[in-house]
Amino acid sequence: MANQDHVWRQSRDVVSFNDEPLVLVDQQDREIGFLDKQSAHQGQGLLHRAFSLLVFNSRGELLLQQRAEGKRLWPGFWSNTCCSHPRRGETLDVAIERRLAEELGMRCTTQFLFKFEYQAQFDAEGAEHELCWVYAGRSDDVPTLNLNEVSALRYISPVALDLELVEHPQQFTPWFKIEWERLRRDHAELFGSP
């Protein structure tokens, strides 16, 4: 668990709003409407467009974030570098650039890898039901934690992460576990080996 005691730069900008409109989609990722974020995550959740970004440094380590304790869904869980939703009228490229800057004060070039649908129930009142676009990027920028979104950061090698996911799967978000398994299976080029 490298870098857990590292002192990161911090901010407290408010960048998430319960009333921000999310893009509702069908299973073919066609837009079918818009709904505020809070309502889209109630009950079993309504299918909406989302993205996940995994940022690796020049040593091939992945930057993990621990979700802030104030998050409605999966607070305190470890997850991929950055994830969120495009807003109404916003392309995924713009949404990813915006959110990475808002949460971590970073920039990077991204590469689209795949998209997938999942539904994960957190509790009786809330769930994720997303059609999630997954991207990878590389950056050695020094992050700035937005404490409203992220409670901790750490870099980890892929092999060490594989072991943690086996030994402590309950500490990670459900979408990240799905993404990581597919990255390891289908995207060896990200890890510098065949």
N, C-alpha and C. Protein backbone atom coordinates (compact mmCIF):
# COMPACT_ATOMS: atom_id res chain seq x y z
N MET A 1 0.83 -1.18 0.00
CA MET A 1 0.00 0.00 0.00
C MET A 1 0.88 1.25 0.00
N ALA A 2 1.61 1.39 -1.07
CA ALA A 2 2.55 2.50 -1.18
C ALA A 2 1.84 3.84 -1.15
N ASN A 3 2.53 4.82 -0.61
CA ASN A 3 2.09 6.22 -0.65
C ASN A 3 0.88 6.53 0.22
N GLN A 4 0.45 5.63 1.08
CA GLN A 4 -0.70 5.95 1.92
C GLN A 4 -0.38 7.06 2.92
N ASP A 5 0.88 7.18 3.32
CA ASP A 5 1.24 8.22 4.27
C ASP A 5 1.82 9.45 3.57
N HIS A 6 1.78 9.47 2.25
CA HIS A 6 2.25 10.62 1.48
C HIS A 6 1.34 11.81 1.75
N VAL A 7 1.91 12.99 1.86
CA VAL A 7 1.12 14.19 2.07
C VAL A 7 0.82 14.79 0.70
N TRP A 8 -0.41 14.65 0.25
CA TRP A 8 -0.84 15.15 -1.05
C TRP A 8 -1.37 16.59 -0.89
N ARG A 9 -1.28 17.37 -1.95
CA ARG A 9 -1.94 18.68 -1.96
C ARG A 9 -3.45 18.43 -1.88
N GLN A 10 -4.19 19.40 -1.32
CA GLN A 10 -5.62 19.20 -1.10
C GLN A 10 -6.43 20.42 -1.52
N SER A 11 -7.69 20.14 -1.88
CA SER A 11 -8.67 21.20 -2.13
C SER A 11 -10.01 20.73 -1.56
N ARG A 12 -10.96 21.65 -1.51
CA ARG A 12 -12.31 21.30 -1.05
C ARG A 12 -13.37 21.91 -1.97
N ASP A 13 -13.07 21.96 -3.26
CA ASP A 13 -14.03 22.51 -4.21
C ASP A 13 -15.26 21.60 -4.30
N VAL A 14 -16.43 22.19 -4.35
CA VAL A 14 -17.66 21.42 -4.54
C VAL A 14 -17.86 21.24 -6.04
N VAL A 15 -17.83 19.98 -6.49
CA VAL A 15 -17.90 19.71 -7.92
C VAL A 15 -19.02 18.72 -8.28
N SER A 16 -19.70 18.16 -7.27
CA SER A 16 -20.79 17.22 -7.51
C SER A 16 -22.08 17.79 -6.94
N PHE A 17 -23.15 17.60 -7.68
CA PHE A 17 -24.45 18.15 -7.27
C PHE A 17 -25.53 17.10 -7.49
N ASN A 18 -26.40 16.90 -6.51
CA ASN A 18 -27.46 15.91 -6.64
C ASN A 18 -28.42 16.23 -7.78
N ASP A 19 -28.53 17.51 -8.14
CA ASP A 19 -29.49 17.88 -9.19
C ASP A 19 -28.86 17.98 -10.58
N GLU A 20 -27.59 17.62 -10.74
CA GLU A 20 -27.00 17.70 -12.08
C GLU A 20 -27.63 16.62 -12.97
N PRO A 21 -27.97 16.96 -14.22
CA PRO A 21 -28.65 16.00 -15.09
C PRO A 21 -27.69 14.95 -15.65
N LEU A 22 -28.05 13.68 -15.47
CA LEU A 22 -27.30 12.58 -16.07
C LEU A 22 -28.00 12.16 -17.35
N VAL A 23 -27.23 11.52 -18.23
CA VAL A 23 -27.74 11.08 -19.52
C VAL A 23 -28.26 9.65 -19.38
N LEU A 24 -29.58 9.49 -19.48
CA LEU A 24 -30.18 8.16 -19.47
C LEU A 24 -30.00 7.54 -20.85
N VAL A 25 -29.68 6.23 -20.87
CA VAL A 25 -29.45 5.53 -22.13
C VAL A 25 -30.16 4.19 -22.12
N ASP A 26 -30.31 3.61 -23.32
CA ASP A 26 -30.78 2.23 -23.41
C ASP A 26 -29.56 1.32 -23.47
N GLN A 27 -29.77 0.03 -23.61
CA GLN A 27 -28.65 -0.92 -23.57
C GLN A 27 -27.72 -0.81 -24.78
N GLN A 28 -28.16 -0.10 -25.83
CA GLN A 28 -27.30 0.16 -26.98
C GLN A 28 -26.62 1.53 -26.86
N ASP A 29 -26.73 2.15 -25.69
CA ASP A 29 -26.10 3.43 -25.40
C ASP A 29 -26.70 4.58 -26.20
N ARG A 30 -27.97 4.47 -26.56
CA ARG A 30 -28.68 5.57 -27.20
C ARG A 30 -29.33 6.42 -26.13
N GLU A 31 -29.15 7.74 -26.24
CA GLU A 31 -29.74 8.66 -25.27
C GLU A 31 -31.26 8.56 -25.31
N ILE A 32 -31.88 8.44 -24.13
CA ILE A 32 -33.34 8.37 -24.07
C ILE A 32 -33.92 9.44 -23.14
N GLY A 33 -33.08 10.25 -22.55
CA GLY A 33 -33.57 11.31 -21.67
C GLY A 33 -32.52 11.73 -20.67
N PHE A 34 -32.96 12.51 -19.69
CA PHE A 34 -32.07 13.05 -18.67
C PHE A 34 -32.78 12.96 -17.32
N LEU A 35 -32.00 12.78 -16.27
CA LEU A 35 -32.56 12.69 -14.93
C LEU A 35 -31.51 13.16 -13.93
N ASP A 36 -31.95 13.83 -12.87
CA ASP A 36 -30.99 14.30 -11.87
C ASP A 36 -30.25 13.12 -11.24
N LYS A 37 -29.03 13.39 -10.82
CA LYS A 37 -28.14 12.35 -10.32
C LYS A 37 -28.74 11.58 -9.15
N GLN A 38 -29.33 12.28 -8.21
CA GLN A 38 -29.90 11.61 -7.04
C GLN A 38 -30.98 10.61 -7.45
N SER A 39 -31.89 11.02 -8.31
CA SER A 39 -32.98 10.13 -8.73
C SER A 39 -32.46 8.95 -9.56
N ALA A 40 -31.44 9.19 -10.37
CA ALA A 40 -30.90 8.12 -11.23
C ALA A 40 -30.26 6.99 -10.42
N HIS A 41 -29.88 7.28 -9.17
CA HIS A 41 -29.23 6.28 -8.33
C HIS A 41 -30.15 5.69 -7.26
N GLN A 42 -31.42 6.07 -7.26
CA GLN A 42 -32.34 5.55 -6.25
C GLN A 42 -32.81 4.15 -6.60
N GLY A 43 -33.19 3.40 -5.58
CA GLY A 43 -33.68 2.04 -5.78
C GLY A 43 -32.65 1.18 -6.45
N GLN A 44 -33.02 0.59 -7.59
CA GLN A 44 -32.07 -0.24 -8.36
C GLN A 44 -31.30 0.58 -9.39
N GLY A 45 -31.58 1.88 -9.46
CA GLY A 45 -30.90 2.75 -10.39
C GLY A 45 -31.47 2.65 -11.79
N LEU A 46 -31.40 3.76 -12.52
CA LEU A 46 -31.80 3.79 -13.93
C LEU A 46 -30.54 3.85 -14.78
N LEU A 47 -30.53 3.11 -15.88
CA LEU A 47 -29.34 3.01 -16.72
C LEU A 47 -28.94 4.40 -17.25
N HIS A 48 -27.70 4.78 -16.97
CA HIS A 48 -27.19 6.07 -17.41
C HIS A 48 -25.74 5.93 -17.85
N ARG A 49 -25.28 6.91 -18.60
CA ARG A 49 -23.92 6.89 -19.15
C ARG A 49 -22.93 7.35 -18.09
N ALA A 50 -21.80 6.66 -18.04
CA ALA A 50 -20.75 6.99 -17.07
C ALA A 50 -19.40 6.70 -17.70
N PHE A 51 -18.34 7.06 -16.99
CA PHE A 51 -16.99 6.72 -17.45
C PHE A 51 -16.11 6.38 -16.26
N SER A 52 -15.08 5.59 -16.54
CA SER A 52 -14.04 5.28 -15.57
C SER A 52 -12.70 5.50 -16.24
N LEU A 53 -11.80 6.16 -15.53
CA LEU A 53 -10.46 6.42 -16.04
C LEU A 53 -9.45 5.77 -15.10
N LEU A 54 -8.49 5.06 -15.70
CA LEU A 54 -7.40 4.46 -14.95
C LEU A 54 -6.11 5.11 -15.42
N VAL A 55 -5.44 5.82 -14.52
CA VAL A 55 -4.22 6.56 -14.87
C VAL A 55 -3.01 5.84 -14.28
N PHE A 56 -2.07 5.53 -15.17
CA PHE A 56 -0.81 4.89 -14.79
C PHE A 56 0.31 5.92 -14.85
N ASN A 57 1.29 5.76 -13.96
CA ASN A 57 2.46 6.63 -14.02
C ASN A 57 3.52 6.00 -14.92
N SER A 58 4.67 6.67 -15.06
CA SER A 58 5.71 6.18 -15.97
C SER A 58 6.37 4.90 -15.47
N ARG A 59 6.14 4.54 -14.21
CA ARG A 59 6.65 3.27 -13.69
C ARG A 59 5.65 2.13 -13.87
N GLY A 60 4.50 2.44 -14.47
CA GLY A 60 3.51 1.41 -14.71
C GLY A 60 2.58 1.15 -13.54
N GLU A 61 2.63 2.02 -12.52
CA GLU A 61 1.76 1.86 -11.36
C GLU A 61 0.43 2.57 -11.61
N LEU A 62 -0.63 2.01 -11.08
CA LEU A 62 -1.96 2.59 -11.20
C LEU A 62 -2.23 3.51 -10.01
N LEU A 63 -2.80 4.68 -10.29
CA LEU A 63 -3.22 5.59 -9.22
C LEU A 63 -4.63 5.20 -8.79
N LEU A 64 -4.75 4.72 -7.55
CA LEU A 64 -6.05 4.38 -6.97
C LEU A 64 -6.53 5.52 -6.10
N GLN A 65 -7.84 5.70 -6.06
CA GLN A 65 -8.42 6.65 -5.12
C GLN A 65 -9.33 5.92 -4.14
N GLN A 66 -9.35 6.43 -2.92
CA GLN A 66 -10.33 5.97 -1.93
C GLN A 66 -11.44 7.01 -1.92
N ARG A 67 -12.66 6.54 -2.16
CA ARG A 67 -13.80 7.46 -2.26
C ARG A 67 -14.06 8.14 -0.92
N ALA A 68 -14.41 9.41 -0.98
CA ALA A 68 -14.64 10.20 0.23
C ALA A 68 -15.76 9.58 1.07
N GLU A 69 -15.67 9.75 2.37
CA GLU A 69 -16.67 9.19 3.29
C GLU A 69 -18.05 9.83 3.10
N GLY A 70 -18.09 11.01 2.51
CA GLY A 70 -19.37 11.68 2.29
C GLY A 70 -20.13 11.21 1.06
N LYS A 71 -19.54 10.29 0.29
CA LYS A 71 -20.19 9.77 -0.91
C LYS A 71 -21.43 8.96 -0.52
N ARG A 72 -22.50 9.08 -1.29
CA ARG A 72 -23.73 8.32 -1.02
C ARG A 72 -23.53 6.83 -1.27
N LEU A 73 -22.79 6.49 -2.33
CA LEU A 73 -22.59 5.09 -2.72
C LEU A 73 -21.11 4.72 -2.59
N TRP A 74 -20.84 3.62 -1.94
CA TRP A 74 -19.50 3.08 -1.74
C TRP A 74 -18.53 4.09 -1.14
N PRO A 75 -18.90 4.77 -0.05
CA PRO A 75 -17.95 5.67 0.62
C PRO A 75 -16.81 4.87 1.25
N GLY A 76 -15.59 5.38 1.13
CA GLY A 76 -14.44 4.74 1.75
C GLY A 76 -13.89 3.55 0.98
N PHE A 77 -14.49 3.18 -0.14
CA PHE A 77 -14.00 2.06 -0.94
C PHE A 77 -12.89 2.55 -1.88
N TRP A 78 -11.96 1.65 -2.17
CA TRP A 78 -10.91 1.95 -3.15
C TRP A 78 -11.46 1.73 -4.55
N SER A 79 -11.00 2.54 -5.49
CA SER A 79 -11.52 2.46 -6.85
C SER A 79 -10.48 2.97 -7.84
N ASN A 80 -10.89 2.99 -9.11
CA ASN A 80 -10.01 3.49 -10.17
C ASN A 80 -9.71 4.98 -9.95
N THR A 81 -8.81 5.51 -10.74
CA THR A 81 -8.31 6.87 -10.55
C THR A 81 -9.42 7.91 -10.50
N CYS A 82 -10.36 7.82 -11.43
CA CYS A 82 -11.40 8.84 -11.53
C CYS A 82 -12.60 8.24 -12.25
N CYS A 83 -13.79 8.51 -11.75
CA CYS A 83 -15.00 8.07 -12.45
C CYS A 83 -16.13 9.05 -12.16
N SER A 84 -17.00 9.20 -13.15
CA SER A 84 -18.11 10.13 -13.01
C SER A 84 -19.05 9.94 -14.18
N HIS A 85 -19.78 11.02 -14.49
CA HIS A 85 -20.78 11.00 -15.55
C HIS A 85 -20.60 12.21 -16.45
N PRO A 86 -20.79 12.03 -17.78
CA PRO A 86 -20.86 13.22 -18.62
C PRO A 86 -22.15 13.96 -18.31
N ARG A 87 -22.11 15.26 -18.38
CA ARG A 87 -23.30 16.07 -18.16
C ARG A 87 -24.04 16.28 -19.48
N ARG A 88 -25.22 16.77 -19.38
CA ARG A 88 -26.05 17.02 -20.57
C ARG A 88 -25.28 17.89 -21.56
N GLY A 89 -25.18 17.42 -22.81
CA GLY A 89 -24.50 18.16 -23.85
C GLY A 89 -22.99 18.08 -23.82
N GLU A 90 -22.42 17.25 -22.96
CA GLU A 90 -20.96 17.17 -22.78
C GLU A 90 -20.45 15.87 -23.40
N THR A 91 -19.40 15.96 -24.21
CA THR A 91 -18.79 14.74 -24.75
C THR A 91 -18.03 14.02 -23.64
N LEU A 92 -17.75 12.75 -23.87
CA LEU A 92 -16.99 12.00 -22.87
C LEU A 92 -15.58 12.56 -22.71
N ASP A 93 -14.94 12.96 -23.80
CA ASP A 93 -13.59 13.52 -23.69
C ASP A 93 -13.58 14.76 -22.80
N VAL A 94 -14.55 15.64 -23.00
CA VAL A 94 -14.64 16.86 -22.18
C VAL A 94 -14.96 16.49 -20.73
N ALA A 95 -15.86 15.56 -20.52
CA ALA A 95 -16.25 15.15 -19.17
C ALA A 95 -15.06 14.56 -18.41
N ILE A 96 -14.28 13.73 -19.06
CA ILE A 96 -13.12 13.11 -18.41
C ILE A 96 -12.09 14.17 -18.04
N GLU A 97 -11.80 15.06 -18.97
CA GLU A 97 -10.82 16.13 -18.69
C GLU A 97 -11.30 17.00 -17.53
N ARG A 98 -12.58 17.36 -17.54
CA ARG A 98 -13.15 18.18 -16.46
C ARG A 98 -13.05 17.48 -15.12
N ARG A 99 -13.50 16.23 -15.09
CA ARG A 99 -13.57 15.54 -13.81
C ARG A 99 -12.20 15.21 -13.24
N LEU A 100 -11.24 14.85 -14.08
CA LEU A 100 -9.89 14.58 -13.60
C LEU A 100 -9.29 15.83 -12.98
N ALA A 101 -9.53 16.98 -13.59
CA ALA A 101 -9.05 18.25 -13.03
C ALA A 101 -9.77 18.58 -11.73
N GLU A 102 -11.09 18.36 -11.68
CA GLU A 102 -11.87 18.69 -10.48
C GLU A 102 -11.50 17.82 -9.29
N GLU A 103 -11.33 16.52 -9.51
CA GLU A 103 -11.06 15.60 -8.40
C GLU A 103 -9.60 15.57 -8.00
N LEU A 104 -8.69 15.66 -9.00
CA LEU A 104 -7.28 15.39 -8.73
C LEU A 104 -6.33 16.46 -9.27
N GLY A 105 -6.84 17.49 -9.92
CA GLY A 105 -5.97 18.53 -10.43
C GLY A 105 -4.95 18.03 -11.44
N MET A 106 -5.30 16.98 -12.19
CA MET A 106 -4.38 16.36 -13.13
C MET A 106 -4.88 16.51 -14.56
N ARG A 107 -3.95 16.29 -15.49
CA ARG A 107 -4.28 16.21 -16.91
C ARG A 107 -3.56 14.98 -17.47
N CYS A 108 -4.18 14.37 -18.48
CA CYS A 108 -3.49 13.29 -19.19
C CYS A 108 -4.20 13.02 -20.50
N THR A 109 -3.47 12.42 -21.41
CA THR A 109 -4.05 11.96 -22.66
C THR A 109 -4.70 10.62 -22.38
N THR A 110 -5.91 10.42 -22.91
CA THR A 110 -6.64 9.19 -22.60
C THR A 110 -6.86 8.36 -23.86
N GLN A 111 -7.08 7.08 -23.63
CA GLN A 111 -7.35 6.12 -24.71
C GLN A 111 -8.59 5.33 -24.32
N PHE A 112 -9.59 5.30 -25.19
CA PHE A 112 -10.79 4.50 -24.95
C PHE A 112 -10.44 3.02 -25.09
N LEU A 113 -10.94 2.21 -24.13
CA LEU A 113 -10.68 0.78 -24.16
C LEU A 113 -11.91 -0.06 -24.46
N PHE A 114 -12.98 0.15 -23.71
CA PHE A 114 -14.20 -0.62 -23.90
C PHE A 114 -15.32 0.02 -23.10
N LYS A 115 -16.54 -0.46 -23.32
CA LYS A 115 -17.65 -0.05 -22.46
C LYS A 115 -18.43 -1.29 -22.06
N PHE A 116 -19.12 -1.18 -20.92
CA PHE A 116 -19.87 -2.32 -20.40
C PHE A 116 -21.01 -1.81 -19.54
N GLU A 117 -22.02 -2.64 -19.40
CA GLU A 117 -23.15 -2.32 -18.53
C GLU A 117 -23.05 -3.14 -17.26
N TYR A 118 -23.35 -2.52 -16.14
CA TYR A 118 -23.41 -3.25 -14.87
C TYR A 118 -24.46 -2.61 -13.98
N GLN A 119 -24.94 -3.41 -13.05
CA GLN A 119 -25.84 -2.92 -12.00
C GLN A 119 -25.30 -3.46 -10.70
N ALA A 120 -25.13 -2.59 -9.71
CA ALA A 120 -24.61 -2.99 -8.41
C ALA A 120 -25.43 -2.30 -7.33
N GLN A 121 -25.97 -3.09 -6.43
CA GLN A 121 -26.83 -2.57 -5.37
C GLN A 121 -25.98 -2.28 -4.15
N PHE A 122 -26.01 -1.04 -3.67
CA PHE A 122 -25.26 -0.67 -2.46
C PHE A 122 -26.07 -0.95 -1.21
N ASP A 123 -27.31 -0.48 -1.20
CA ASP A 123 -28.23 -0.74 -0.09
C ASP A 123 -29.65 -0.68 -0.65
N ALA A 124 -30.64 -0.75 0.20
CA ALA A 124 -32.03 -0.79 -0.28
C ALA A 124 -32.42 0.48 -1.02
N GLU A 125 -31.78 1.61 -0.69
CA GLU A 125 -32.16 2.89 -1.27
C GLU A 125 -31.32 3.32 -2.46
N GLY A 126 -30.18 2.69 -2.71
CA GLY A 126 -29.31 3.21 -3.75
C GLY A 126 -28.49 2.17 -4.47
N ALA A 127 -28.23 2.45 -5.76
CA ALA A 127 -27.47 1.53 -6.61
C ALA A 127 -26.82 2.29 -7.75
N GLU A 128 -25.88 1.62 -8.39
CA GLU A 128 -25.35 2.07 -9.67
C GLU A 128 -25.93 1.18 -10.75
N HIS A 129 -26.37 1.77 -11.84
CA HIS A 129 -26.77 1.05 -13.04
C HIS A 129 -26.25 1.88 -14.19
N GLU A 130 -25.09 1.48 -14.69
CA GLU A 130 -24.38 2.34 -15.63
C GLU A 130 -23.98 1.60 -16.89
N LEU A 131 -23.94 2.35 -17.97
CA LEU A 131 -23.24 1.94 -19.17
C LEU A 131 -21.94 2.74 -19.14
N CYS A 132 -20.89 2.05 -18.75
CA CYS A 132 -19.63 2.71 -18.37
C CYS A 132 -18.60 2.59 -19.48
N TRP A 133 -18.07 3.75 -19.91
CA TRP A 133 -16.98 3.83 -20.88
C TRP A 133 -15.67 3.82 -20.09
N VAL A 134 -14.76 2.92 -20.43
CA VAL A 134 -13.51 2.77 -19.69
C VAL A 134 -12.35 3.28 -20.53
N TYR A 135 -11.54 4.14 -19.91
CA TYR A 135 -10.39 4.76 -20.55
C TYR A 135 -9.15 4.52 -19.69
N ALA A 136 -7.98 4.54 -20.36
CA ALA A 136 -6.70 4.50 -19.66
C ALA A 136 -5.89 5.72 -20.08
N GLY A 137 -5.00 6.13 -19.19
CA GLY A 137 -4.13 7.26 -19.49
C GLY A 137 -2.82 7.13 -18.73
N ARG A 138 -1.87 8.00 -19.08
CA ARG A 138 -0.58 8.02 -18.38
C ARG A 138 -0.30 9.45 -17.96
N SER A 139 0.19 9.59 -16.73
CA SER A 139 0.55 10.92 -16.23
C SER A 139 1.46 10.79 -15.02
N ASP A 140 2.40 11.70 -14.93
CA ASP A 140 3.22 11.83 -13.73
C ASP A 140 2.90 13.13 -13.00
N ASP A 141 1.78 13.76 -13.35
CA ASP A 141 1.35 14.96 -12.61
C ASP A 141 1.19 14.62 -11.13
N VAL A 142 1.50 15.59 -10.28
CA VAL A 142 1.27 15.41 -8.85
C VAL A 142 -0.18 15.74 -8.55
N PRO A 143 -0.94 14.78 -8.02
CA PRO A 143 -2.37 15.04 -7.79
C PRO A 143 -2.62 16.01 -6.65
N THR A 144 -3.78 16.65 -6.72
CA THR A 144 -4.33 17.45 -5.63
C THR A 144 -5.66 16.83 -5.25
N LEU A 145 -5.77 16.27 -4.07
CA LEU A 145 -7.01 15.62 -3.64
C LEU A 145 -8.10 16.63 -3.40
N ASN A 146 -9.25 16.43 -4.04
CA ASN A 146 -10.44 17.17 -3.67
C ASN A 146 -11.11 16.36 -2.56
N LEU A 147 -11.02 16.84 -1.34
CA LEU A 147 -11.47 16.07 -0.18
C LEU A 147 -12.97 15.84 -0.14
N ASN A 148 -13.74 16.56 -0.95
CA ASN A 148 -15.16 16.27 -1.06
C ASN A 148 -15.42 15.02 -1.90
N GLU A 149 -14.43 14.61 -2.67
CA GLU A 149 -14.58 13.48 -3.58
C GLU A 149 -13.67 12.30 -3.23
N VAL A 150 -12.48 12.60 -2.73
CA VAL A 150 -11.43 11.59 -2.55
C VAL A 150 -10.85 11.73 -1.15
N SER A 151 -10.78 10.61 -0.41
CA SER A 151 -10.19 10.70 0.93
C SER A 151 -8.73 10.28 0.97
N ALA A 152 -8.27 9.50 -0.02
CA ALA A 152 -6.86 9.08 -0.04
C ALA A 152 -6.50 8.64 -1.45
N LEU A 153 -5.20 8.65 -1.74
CA LEU A 153 -4.66 8.18 -3.01
C LEU A 153 -3.48 7.27 -2.74
N ARG A 154 -3.22 6.39 -3.69
CA ARG A 154 -1.98 5.60 -3.63
C ARG A 154 -1.69 5.02 -5.00
N TYR A 155 -0.41 4.86 -5.29
CA TYR A 155 0.04 4.16 -6.49
C TYR A 155 0.30 2.71 -6.12
N ILE A 156 -0.03 1.82 -7.04
CA ILE A 156 0.16 0.39 -6.78
C ILE A 156 0.54 -0.30 -8.09
N SER A 157 1.41 -1.29 -7.98
CA SER A 157 1.79 -2.07 -9.16
C SER A 157 0.64 -3.01 -9.53
N PRO A 158 0.52 -3.35 -10.81
CA PRO A 158 -0.54 -4.28 -11.20
C PRO A 158 -0.50 -5.61 -10.46
N VAL A 159 0.69 -6.15 -10.24
CA VAL A 159 0.81 -7.44 -9.55
C VAL A 159 0.35 -7.31 -8.09
N ALA A 160 0.73 -6.23 -7.43
CA ALA A 160 0.29 -6.03 -6.04
C ALA A 160 -1.21 -5.82 -5.98
N LEU A 161 -1.77 -5.13 -6.97
CA LEU A 161 -3.22 -4.93 -7.00
C LEU A 161 -3.95 -6.24 -7.22
N ASP A 162 -3.44 -7.07 -8.11
CA ASP A 162 -4.04 -8.40 -8.33
C ASP A 162 -4.16 -9.15 -7.01
N LEU A 163 -3.10 -9.13 -6.22
CA LEU A 163 -3.09 -9.83 -4.93
C LEU A 163 -4.09 -9.22 -3.96
N GLU A 164 -4.13 -7.89 -3.89
CA GLU A 164 -5.09 -7.23 -2.99
C GLU A 164 -6.53 -7.54 -3.34
N LEU A 165 -6.81 -7.61 -4.64
CA LEU A 165 -8.17 -7.90 -5.07
C LEU A 165 -8.59 -9.33 -4.71
N VAL A 166 -7.63 -10.22 -4.63
CA VAL A 166 -7.93 -11.59 -4.19
C VAL A 166 -8.10 -11.64 -2.68
N GLU A 167 -7.21 -10.96 -1.96
CA GLU A 167 -7.20 -11.04 -0.49
C GLU A 167 -8.25 -10.14 0.17
N HIS A 168 -8.58 -8.99 -0.44
CA HIS A 168 -9.50 -8.03 0.18
C HIS A 168 -10.49 -7.46 -0.85
N PRO A 169 -11.23 -8.30 -1.55
CA PRO A 169 -12.12 -7.78 -2.60
C PRO A 169 -13.19 -6.83 -2.06
N GLN A 170 -13.56 -6.97 -0.80
CA GLN A 170 -14.62 -6.15 -0.21
C GLN A 170 -14.20 -4.70 -0.02
N GLN A 171 -12.93 -4.38 -0.22
CA GLN A 171 -12.45 -3.01 -0.06
C GLN A 171 -12.54 -2.19 -1.35
N PHE A 172 -12.98 -2.82 -2.46
CA PHE A 172 -12.97 -2.18 -3.76
C PHE A 172 -14.38 -2.05 -4.32
N THR A 173 -14.59 -1.01 -5.13
CA THR A 173 -15.90 -0.79 -5.74
C THR A 173 -16.20 -1.90 -6.75
N PRO A 174 -17.48 -2.23 -6.92
CA PRO A 174 -17.82 -3.33 -7.84
C PRO A 174 -17.44 -3.05 -9.29
N TRP A 175 -17.61 -1.81 -9.76
CA TRP A 175 -17.26 -1.52 -11.15
C TRP A 175 -15.77 -1.64 -11.40
N PHE A 176 -14.97 -1.23 -10.41
CA PHE A 176 -13.52 -1.32 -10.59
C PHE A 176 -13.07 -2.77 -10.71
N LYS A 177 -13.64 -3.65 -9.92
CA LYS A 177 -13.25 -5.07 -9.99
C LYS A 177 -13.56 -5.64 -11.38
N ILE A 178 -14.70 -5.27 -11.95
CA ILE A 178 -15.06 -5.74 -13.29
C ILE A 178 -14.07 -5.18 -14.32
N GLU A 179 -13.78 -3.89 -14.22
CA GLU A 179 -12.88 -3.24 -15.17
C GLU A 179 -11.47 -3.83 -15.11
N TRP A 180 -10.98 -3.99 -13.89
CA TRP A 180 -9.61 -4.47 -13.74
C TRP A 180 -9.45 -5.88 -14.31
N GLU A 181 -10.42 -6.74 -14.06
CA GLU A 181 -10.35 -8.11 -14.60
C GLU A 181 -10.27 -8.07 -16.13
N ARG A 182 -11.08 -7.22 -16.74
CA ARG A 182 -11.08 -7.14 -18.21
C ARG A 182 -9.80 -6.50 -18.73
N LEU A 183 -9.27 -5.50 -18.05
CA LEU A 183 -7.99 -4.90 -18.45
C LEU A 183 -6.88 -5.94 -18.42
N ARG A 184 -6.82 -6.69 -17.36
CA ARG A 184 -5.76 -7.70 -17.23
C ARG A 184 -5.90 -8.78 -18.29
N ARG A 185 -7.12 -9.12 -18.65
CA ARG A 185 -7.37 -10.18 -19.63
C ARG A 185 -7.15 -9.69 -21.07
N ASP A 186 -7.66 -8.49 -21.39
CA ASP A 186 -7.74 -8.07 -22.79
C ASP A 186 -6.80 -6.93 -23.19
N HIS A 187 -6.11 -6.32 -22.24
CA HIS A 187 -5.29 -5.14 -22.57
C HIS A 187 -3.90 -5.24 -21.98
N ALA A 188 -3.20 -6.32 -22.33
CA ALA A 188 -1.84 -6.54 -21.84
C ALA A 188 -0.90 -5.40 -22.23
N GLU A 189 -1.21 -4.71 -23.33
CA GLU A 189 -0.33 -3.62 -23.79
C GLU A 189 -0.20 -2.51 -22.75
N LEU A 190 -1.18 -2.39 -21.86
CA LEU A 190 -1.11 -1.36 -20.82
C LEU A 190 -0.07 -1.67 -19.77
N PHE A 191 0.33 -2.93 -19.67
CA PHE A 191 1.20 -3.37 -18.59
C PHE A 191 2.61 -3.67 -19.06
N GLY A 192 2.90 -3.37 -20.32
CA GLY A 192 4.26 -3.52 -20.83
C GLY A 192 4.69 -4.95 -21.03
N SER A 193 3.72 -5.88 -21.16
CA SER A 193 4.08 -7.28 -21.40
C SER A 193 3.00 -7.90 -22.29
N PRO A 194 3.37 -8.94 -23.03
CA PRO A 194 2.40 -9.58 -23.92
C PRO A 194 1.35 -10.35 -23.15
